Amino acid sequence: MRTVRLNKELEIFIAGIGATQSFLMAFYSFYVRKKDFRNLLLCILFLSVALRLTKSILWVYLDFTPMWLINLGFLAHSISGPALLLYSLYFLFPKKWSSYTILHFIPSALLLLFVSSLTLSNFWYSGGYSLLLFHQVAYGFMTLGLLGIRFLSKKHKSPMDKTSAIWITTLILGTVLFQFLYFSNYILGLTPYLLGPVIYLPFIYFLAFLLFKNPSLLKHDPTRKHQNIRLTQEKLGLYAKQLESLMQGKKLYLDSDCTLNSVARQAKLPAYLVSHVVNNTIGKSFPDFMNGYRIEDAKGKLLHADYAQIKIANIAYDCGFNTLSSFNSAFKKFTGTTPTKFQKTNARF
C-alpha cells in the first residue's frame, strides 16, 4: 500500500487536525440539531468522516491497533456516503423526513453487528473492503447527481442564496473527493493512502469558516414547515404586488433594522408567506429584495444635484445600509460598478 511522501510528523499533523475539526463540526451540528433533523444528519456525516480519518492514522502508524477499532473506522466509512446523500437531499430539496430513508443505513447496521468479529483476512481482504469502496463511490455519484439536478434542471427554479449554494457544493465536492481517493488508492492503485486526509483538510476548514461567518446555515428555517403553500399563482402575484407597493409607499427599506418579521407585520401576512413570495414569486432572496430598493434610492441621490456635496457614506446610511462596505458590495452587485464611478459617469452636475 502506498503512503504519502511526507515527513511522518507532518502526515500525523495534517490528518489529525482534519479529524479534530470534523469532530468539532459534528459536535456543533449536534448542539444545534433542535427543530431541524438535517443537522443530525450533518452531525453523523462529520462524525463518520472524523472516525474514518482517525482509523487511517492508526492504521499507518500503530501496528498494534485492535481489530475492533479498525472495523469501527470501516463502519464509519460506510455511514459517510448515505449521510452525505440524505443531508444533501433534504438541504437541496427541503421536505419532511421520510422514515424510509433510514433503509440507507442497513449495510452499516449489519457491519455494526459484527464489528468485534470481522478480520482483515476473512472479510476485508476477501472482497469486503472493495465492496465498501464501490458502495461509497456509488453514493458519491448519486449525491453529485442531486447537486446537478438542483442547480441545472429547469424544473427547480426556486432560488438559493449564494452562501448556502457554496456551503452545500463545498461539502459535497470535498466529501466525494475524500471518498474517491480511498477508492483510487485501493481499487485503482493510483493515489497514496493518506492523500484523502490531506486533500480533505482545506475543505473542512473552509466549511468551518463559512459556518463561523454564517451560523444561520444550521439554524431552523421556519419556512420549511410551509413548503406546500396551497395558493394560486394569481394570489401569490397579488401578495408580491402588495409587498412591492409597501416598499415603494412606506419605504421600509430605509430602516437598516428592517427584518422579514417587521415587513410581515406591516403587510399583515405571516412571515413564512412573505418569505415564500419573495423567494419564489419575486425570485429574490430577502436581503436582495431589500437592497434592490436601497440601491435604486441611492442611485437617485448620487445623480441629484442636491447631494453633490454629500459624502457617499452618508448616502449609504440614508438609504438603509449599516456600513459603507456593505453598501459598496451591494451597489457593485446590482450595477456592476462602484458608487463613485457611477456618479462620475452619469451625474450632470
Protein backbone atom coordinates (compact mmCIF):
# COMPACT_ATOMS: atom_id res chain seq x y z
CA MET A 1 0.00 0.00 0.00
CA ARG A 2 1.41 3.41 -0.94
CA THR A 3 1.71 6.25 1.55
CA VAL A 4 2.11 9.99 1.14
CA ARG A 5 5.73 11.02 0.66
CA LEU A 6 5.73 13.49 3.53
CA ASN A 7 7.53 13.79 6.81
CA LYS A 8 5.91 11.43 9.31
CA GLU A 9 5.11 14.17 11.82
CA LEU A 10 3.59 16.32 9.07
CA GLU A 11 1.34 13.45 7.97
CA ILE A 12 0.10 12.97 11.51
CA PHE A 13 -0.44 16.70 11.92
CA ILE A 14 -2.46 17.13 8.70
CA ALA A 15 -4.66 14.08 9.22
CA GLY A 16 -5.01 14.81 12.93
CA ILE A 17 -6.21 18.38 12.59
CA GLY A 18 -8.63 17.30 9.86
CA ALA A 19 -10.09 14.66 12.18
CA THR A 20 -10.21 17.12 15.10
CA GLN A 21 -12.02 19.74 13.06
CA SER A 22 -14.51 17.14 11.84
CA PHE A 23 -15.19 16.12 15.45
CA LEU A 24 -15.79 19.78 16.33
CA MET A 25 -18.15 20.26 13.39
CA ALA A 26 -20.02 17.11 14.42
CA PHE A 27 -20.35 18.40 17.97
CA TYR A 28 -21.63 21.79 16.84
CA SER A 29 -24.10 20.24 14.40
CA PHE A 30 -25.44 18.05 17.20
CA TYR A 31 -25.64 21.04 19.55
CA VAL A 32 -27.90 22.97 17.13
CA ARG A 33 -29.85 19.92 15.93
CA LYS A 34 -33.14 21.03 17.56
CA LYS A 35 -36.02 21.68 15.18
CA ASP A 36 -34.02 20.59 12.13
CA PHE A 37 -33.27 16.91 11.52
CA ARG A 38 -30.82 17.89 8.78
CA ASN A 39 -28.36 18.96 11.46
CA LEU A 40 -28.43 15.47 12.96
CA LEU A 41 -27.60 14.04 9.54
CA LEU A 42 -24.77 16.55 9.25
CA CYS A 43 -23.50 15.52 12.68
CA ILE A 44 -23.49 11.87 11.60
CA LEU A 45 -21.61 12.79 8.42
CA PHE A 46 -18.87 14.77 10.16
CA LEU A 47 -18.55 12.18 12.91
CA SER A 48 -18.20 9.34 10.39
CA VAL A 49 -15.51 11.23 8.47
CA ALA A 50 -13.67 12.04 11.71
CA LEU A 51 -13.66 8.36 12.72
CA ARG A 52 -12.51 7.33 9.24
CA LEU A 53 -9.62 9.79 9.45
CA THR A 54 -8.71 8.52 12.90
CA LYS A 55 -8.71 4.94 11.63
CA SER A 56 -6.37 5.95 8.78
CA ILE A 57 -3.89 7.50 11.20
CA LEU A 58 -3.93 4.44 13.46
CA TRP A 59 -3.64 2.06 10.51
CA VAL A 60 -0.49 3.71 9.18
CA TYR A 61 1.32 4.43 12.42
CA LEU A 62 0.16 1.93 15.06
CA ASP A 63 0.69 -1.72 14.17
CA PHE A 64 -0.96 -2.87 17.38
CA THR A 65 -4.33 -1.13 16.75
CA PRO A 66 -7.11 -3.52 17.87
CA MET A 67 -9.19 -5.04 15.11
CA TRP A 68 -12.48 -3.77 16.54
CA LEU A 69 -11.18 -0.21 16.21
CA ILE A 70 -10.17 -0.82 12.59
CA ASN A 71 -13.65 -2.21 11.94
CA LEU A 72 -15.15 0.87 13.56
CA GLY A 73 -13.30 3.01 11.02
CA PHE A 74 -14.66 0.93 8.15
CA LEU A 75 -18.13 1.17 9.69
CA ALA A 76 -17.79 4.96 9.78
CA HIS A 77 -16.76 4.90 6.13
CA SER A 78 -19.93 3.00 5.26
CA ILE A 79 -22.04 5.63 7.03
CA SER A 80 -20.49 8.69 5.38
CA GLY A 81 -21.95 8.07 1.91
CA PRO A 82 -25.61 7.66 2.96
CA ALA A 83 -25.30 10.53 5.45
CA LEU A 84 -23.96 12.84 2.73
CA LEU A 85 -26.68 11.80 0.28
CA LEU A 86 -29.52 12.29 2.77
CA TYR A 87 -28.25 15.60 4.14
CA SER A 88 -27.79 16.90 0.58
CA LEU A 89 -31.23 15.63 -0.45
CA TYR A 90 -33.03 17.41 2.37
CA PHE A 91 -30.87 20.53 2.07
CA LEU A 92 -31.31 20.89 -1.70
CA PHE A 93 -34.96 19.81 -1.79
CA PRO A 94 -36.48 20.75 1.60
CA LYS A 95 -39.25 18.42 2.70
CA LYS A 96 -40.42 16.39 5.68
CA TRP A 97 -38.34 13.50 6.92
CA SER A 98 -39.31 10.14 5.47
CA SER A 99 -38.76 7.14 7.71
CA TYR A 100 -37.95 5.03 4.65
CA THR A 101 -34.65 6.85 4.19
CA ILE A 102 -33.31 5.04 7.24
CA LEU A 103 -33.02 1.99 4.96
CA HIS A 104 -29.85 3.53 3.52
CA PHE A 105 -28.08 2.64 6.77
CA ILE A 106 -28.90 -1.09 6.70
CA PRO A 107 -25.39 -2.11 5.47
CA SER A 108 -23.86 -0.05 8.28
CA ALA A 109 -26.19 -1.66 10.81
CA LEU A 110 -25.06 -5.11 9.65
CA LEU A 111 -21.41 -4.10 9.98
CA LEU A 112 -22.11 -2.83 13.48
CA LEU A 113 -23.43 -6.26 14.49
CA PHE A 114 -20.12 -7.86 13.55
CA VAL A 115 -17.72 -5.02 14.42
CA SER A 116 -15.99 -7.14 17.05
CA SER A 117 -15.57 -10.27 14.93
CA LEU A 118 -14.64 -9.28 11.36
CA THR A 119 -10.99 -9.71 10.38
CA LEU A 120 -8.83 -8.43 7.57
CA SER A 121 -8.06 -11.86 6.10
CA ASN A 122 -11.52 -13.43 6.10
CA PHE A 123 -13.59 -10.37 5.28
CA TRP A 124 -11.96 -7.06 4.32
CA TYR A 125 -9.24 -8.53 2.10
CA SER A 126 -11.70 -11.09 0.75
CA GLY A 127 -13.79 -8.51 -1.03
CA GLY A 128 -15.36 -6.65 1.89
CA TYR A 129 -13.22 -3.54 1.59
CA SER A 130 -13.65 -3.41 -2.19
CA LEU A 131 -17.42 -3.66 -1.79
CA LEU A 132 -17.34 -0.87 0.79
CA LEU A 133 -15.38 1.43 -1.55
CA PHE A 134 -17.68 0.77 -4.52
CA HIS A 135 -20.66 1.34 -2.23
CA GLN A 136 -19.37 4.76 -1.18
CA VAL A 137 -18.40 5.85 -4.68
CA ALA A 138 -21.91 4.98 -5.85
CA TYR A 139 -23.35 7.20 -3.12
CA GLY A 140 -20.92 9.93 -4.09
CA PHE A 141 -22.09 9.91 -7.71
CA MET A 142 -25.74 9.92 -6.62
CA THR A 143 -25.06 12.95 -4.44
CA LEU A 144 -23.33 14.76 -7.30
CA GLY A 145 -26.39 13.96 -9.38
CA LEU A 146 -28.62 15.66 -6.82
CA LEU A 147 -26.40 18.72 -6.92
CA GLY A 148 -26.60 18.83 -10.71
CA ILE A 149 -30.38 18.41 -10.74
CA ARG A 150 -30.84 21.20 -8.19
CA PHE A 151 -28.75 23.79 -9.99
CA LEU A 152 -29.03 22.77 -13.64
CA SER A 153 -32.57 21.47 -14.04
CA LYS A 154 -35.18 23.97 -15.22
CA LYS A 155 -37.76 22.24 -13.02
CA HIS A 156 -36.16 23.65 -9.87
CA LYS A 157 -36.22 27.42 -10.18
CA SER A 158 -36.61 28.35 -6.51
CA PRO A 159 -33.58 30.46 -5.65
CA MET A 160 -30.91 29.51 -3.12
CA ASP A 161 -28.77 32.19 -1.55
CA LYS A 162 -25.13 32.27 -2.56
CA THR A 163 -23.75 31.24 0.83
CA SER A 164 -25.98 28.16 1.04
CA ALA A 165 -25.01 27.18 -2.51
CA ILE A 166 -21.30 27.47 -1.68
CA TRP A 167 -21.81 25.54 1.57
CA ILE A 168 -23.56 22.53 0.06
CA THR A 169 -21.34 22.46 -3.05
CA THR A 170 -18.15 22.53 -0.96
CA LEU A 171 -19.46 19.87 1.40
CA ILE A 172 -20.43 17.54 -1.44
CA LEU A 173 -17.28 18.01 -3.52
CA GLY A 174 -14.97 17.71 -0.53
CA THR A 175 -16.59 14.56 0.85
CA VAL A 176 -16.98 12.85 -2.52
CA LEU A 177 -13.34 13.57 -3.37
CA PHE A 178 -12.31 12.29 0.06
CA GLN A 179 -14.21 9.03 -0.55
CA PHE A 180 -12.95 8.66 -4.12
CA LEU A 181 -9.29 8.96 -3.10
CA TYR A 182 -9.63 5.88 -0.89
CA PHE A 183 -11.21 4.12 -3.89
CA SER A 184 -8.40 5.34 -6.13
CA ASN A 185 -5.78 4.08 -3.70
CA TYR A 186 -7.09 0.54 -3.16
CA ILE A 187 -9.06 -0.25 -6.32
CA LEU A 188 -7.18 1.74 -8.96
CA GLY A 189 -3.76 1.91 -7.29
CA LEU A 190 -3.29 5.49 -8.45
CA THR A 191 -3.03 7.60 -5.31
CA PRO A 192 -1.29 7.37 -1.92
CA TYR A 193 -3.30 6.14 1.05
CA LEU A 194 -3.21 9.36 3.06
CA LEU A 195 -3.93 11.67 0.14
CA GLY A 196 -7.62 11.65 1.15
CA PRO A 197 -7.00 13.14 4.62
CA VAL A 198 -4.55 15.68 3.16
CA ILE A 199 -6.95 16.86 0.46
CA TYR A 200 -9.89 16.90 2.88
CA LEU A 201 -8.23 19.39 5.24
CA PRO A 202 -8.81 22.62 3.22
CA PHE A 203 -12.43 21.62 2.58
CA ILE A 204 -13.29 21.08 6.25
CA TYR A 205 -11.63 24.33 7.30
CA PHE A 206 -13.37 26.28 4.57
CA LEU A 207 -16.69 24.78 5.73
CA ALA A 208 -15.84 25.77 9.31
CA PHE A 209 -15.09 29.31 8.12
CA LEU A 210 -18.41 29.50 6.27
CA LEU A 211 -20.27 28.29 9.33
CA PHE A 212 -18.45 30.75 11.59
CA LYS A 213 -19.40 33.63 9.29
CA ASN A 214 -22.93 32.33 8.63
CA PRO A 215 -24.28 30.36 11.62
CA SER A 216 -27.76 30.61 10.08
CA LEU A 217 -26.72 27.77 7.74
CA LEU A 218 -27.60 25.34 10.53
CA LYS A 219 -30.47 27.25 12.09
CA HIS A 220 -34.04 26.12 11.71
CA ASP A 221 -35.83 27.88 8.87
CA PRO A 222 -39.48 28.41 9.82
CA THR A 223 -40.45 28.45 6.16
CA ARG A 224 -39.64 24.71 5.97
CA LYS A 225 -42.94 23.96 7.68
CA HIS A 226 -44.83 25.65 4.94
CA GLN A 227 -43.23 24.35 1.75
CA ASN A 228 -46.60 23.17 0.45
CA ILE A 229 -48.32 26.54 0.36
CA ARG A 230 -51.57 25.94 -1.47
CA LEU A 231 -52.18 29.27 -3.12
CA THR A 232 -52.77 30.02 -6.79
CA GLN A 233 -50.14 31.85 -8.78
CA GLU A 234 -52.62 34.69 -9.14
CA LYS A 235 -52.91 35.01 -5.36
CA LEU A 236 -49.16 34.83 -4.90
CA GLY A 237 -48.78 37.51 -7.57
CA LEU A 238 -51.16 39.77 -5.66
CA TYR A 239 -49.12 39.30 -2.49
CA ALA A 240 -45.96 40.13 -4.45
CA LYS A 241 -47.52 43.38 -5.69
CA GLN A 242 -48.64 44.16 -2.15
CA LEU A 243 -45.08 43.80 -0.86
CA GLU A 244 -43.65 45.90 -3.68
CA SER A 245 -46.25 48.60 -3.10
CA LEU A 246 -45.45 48.55 0.60
CA MET A 247 -41.77 49.06 -0.12
CA GLN A 248 -42.40 51.87 -2.57
CA GLY A 249 -45.03 53.57 -0.42
CA LYS A 250 -43.70 53.28 3.13
CA LYS A 251 -40.03 52.86 2.14
CA LEU A 252 -39.43 50.26 4.84
CA TYR A 253 -36.02 49.56 3.34
CA LEU A 254 -34.72 52.89 4.66
CA ASP A 255 -34.72 51.37 8.13
CA SER A 256 -31.42 49.49 8.48
CA ASP A 257 -33.01 47.28 11.13
CA CYS A 258 -35.89 46.21 8.89
CA THR A 259 -36.35 42.43 9.03
CA LEU A 260 -38.56 39.81 7.46
CA ASN A 261 -40.78 39.85 10.53
CA SER A 262 -41.19 43.63 10.50
CA VAL A 263 -42.14 43.57 6.82
CA ALA A 264 -44.61 40.77 7.56
CA ARG A 265 -46.20 42.85 10.34
CA GLN A 266 -46.58 45.84 8.03
CA ALA A 267 -48.06 43.65 5.30
CA LYS A 268 -50.27 41.83 7.83
CA LEU A 269 -49.09 38.50 6.47
CA PRO A 270 -47.35 35.51 8.10
CA ALA A 271 -43.57 35.74 7.92
CA TYR A 272 -43.30 32.36 6.19
CA LEU A 273 -45.67 33.57 3.45
CA VAL A 274 -43.67 36.76 2.91
CA SER A 275 -40.51 34.67 2.65
CA HIS A 276 -42.16 32.30 0.20
CA VAL A 277 -43.46 35.13 -2.01
CA VAL A 278 -40.13 36.97 -2.04
CA ASN A 279 -38.14 33.83 -2.81
CA ASN A 280 -40.45 32.06 -5.23
CA THR A 281 -42.72 34.68 -6.82
CA ILE A 282 -40.47 37.74 -6.89
CA GLY A 283 -37.45 35.46 -7.32
CA LYS A 284 -35.01 37.09 -4.91
CA SER A 285 -33.56 36.40 -1.50
CA PHE A 286 -34.95 38.72 1.18
CA PRO A 287 -31.65 40.68 1.53
CA ASP A 288 -31.53 41.22 -2.25
CA PHE A 289 -35.19 42.24 -2.22
CA MET A 290 -34.42 44.95 0.35
CA ASN A 291 -31.12 46.01 -1.13
CA GLY A 292 -32.62 46.39 -4.60
CA TYR A 293 -34.80 49.23 -3.34
CA ARG A 294 -31.93 50.72 -1.36
CA ILE A 295 -29.64 50.76 -4.37
CA GLU A 296 -32.29 52.39 -6.58
CA ASP A 297 -32.77 55.06 -3.90
CA ALA A 298 -29.00 55.56 -3.67
CA LYS A 299 -28.65 55.85 -7.45
CA GLY A 300 -31.21 58.63 -7.47
CA LYS A 301 -29.38 60.52 -4.73
CA LEU A 302 -25.97 60.05 -6.36
CA LEU A 303 -27.28 61.70 -9.54
CA HIS A 304 -29.18 64.51 -7.83
CA ALA A 305 -27.59 67.94 -7.61
CA ASP A 306 -28.76 68.37 -4.01
CA TYR A 307 -26.47 65.50 -2.99
CA ALA A 308 -23.43 66.60 -4.99
CA GLN A 309 -21.53 67.63 -1.86
CA ILE A 310 -22.81 64.81 0.36
CA LYS A 311 -20.39 62.01 1.18
CA ILE A 312 -21.21 58.66 -0.33
CA ALA A 313 -21.11 57.11 3.14
CA ASN A 314 -23.90 59.41 4.29
CA ILE A 315 -25.97 58.48 1.26
CA ALA A 316 -25.43 54.81 2.08
CA TYR A 317 -26.65 55.29 5.64
CA ASP A 318 -29.64 57.35 4.47
CA CYS A 319 -30.65 54.51 2.17
CA GLY A 320 -30.71 51.88 4.90
CA PHE A 321 -27.21 50.38 4.88
CA ASN A 322 -25.38 49.81 8.15
CA THR A 323 -21.87 50.10 6.75
CA LEU A 324 -20.17 51.63 3.75
CA SER A 325 -18.57 48.30 2.82
CA SER A 326 -21.96 46.53 2.64
CA PHE A 327 -23.26 49.39 0.50
CA ASN A 328 -20.30 49.19 -1.88
CA SER A 329 -20.67 45.42 -2.21
CA ALA A 330 -24.41 45.61 -2.87
CA PHE A 331 -24.01 48.52 -5.28
CA LYS A 332 -21.45 46.64 -7.38
CA LYS A 333 -23.61 43.51 -7.30
CA PHE A 334 -26.65 45.35 -8.67
CA THR A 335 -24.96 47.78 -11.05
CA GLY A 336 -21.64 46.22 -11.94
CA THR A 337 -19.72 49.31 -10.90
CA THR A 338 -18.79 51.29 -7.81
CA PRO A 339 -20.84 54.23 -6.44
CA THR A 340 -18.02 56.67 -7.22
CA LYS A 341 -17.68 55.55 -10.84
CA PHE A 342 -21.44 55.52 -11.25
CA GLN A 343 -21.71 59.10 -10.03
CA LYS A 344 -18.82 60.36 -12.17
CA THR A 345 -20.14 58.64 -15.29
CA ASN A 346 -23.82 59.58 -15.03
CA ALA A 347 -24.08 62.78 -12.99
CA ARG A 348 -24.94 66.00 -14.87
CA PHE A 349 -23.99 68.50 -12.18
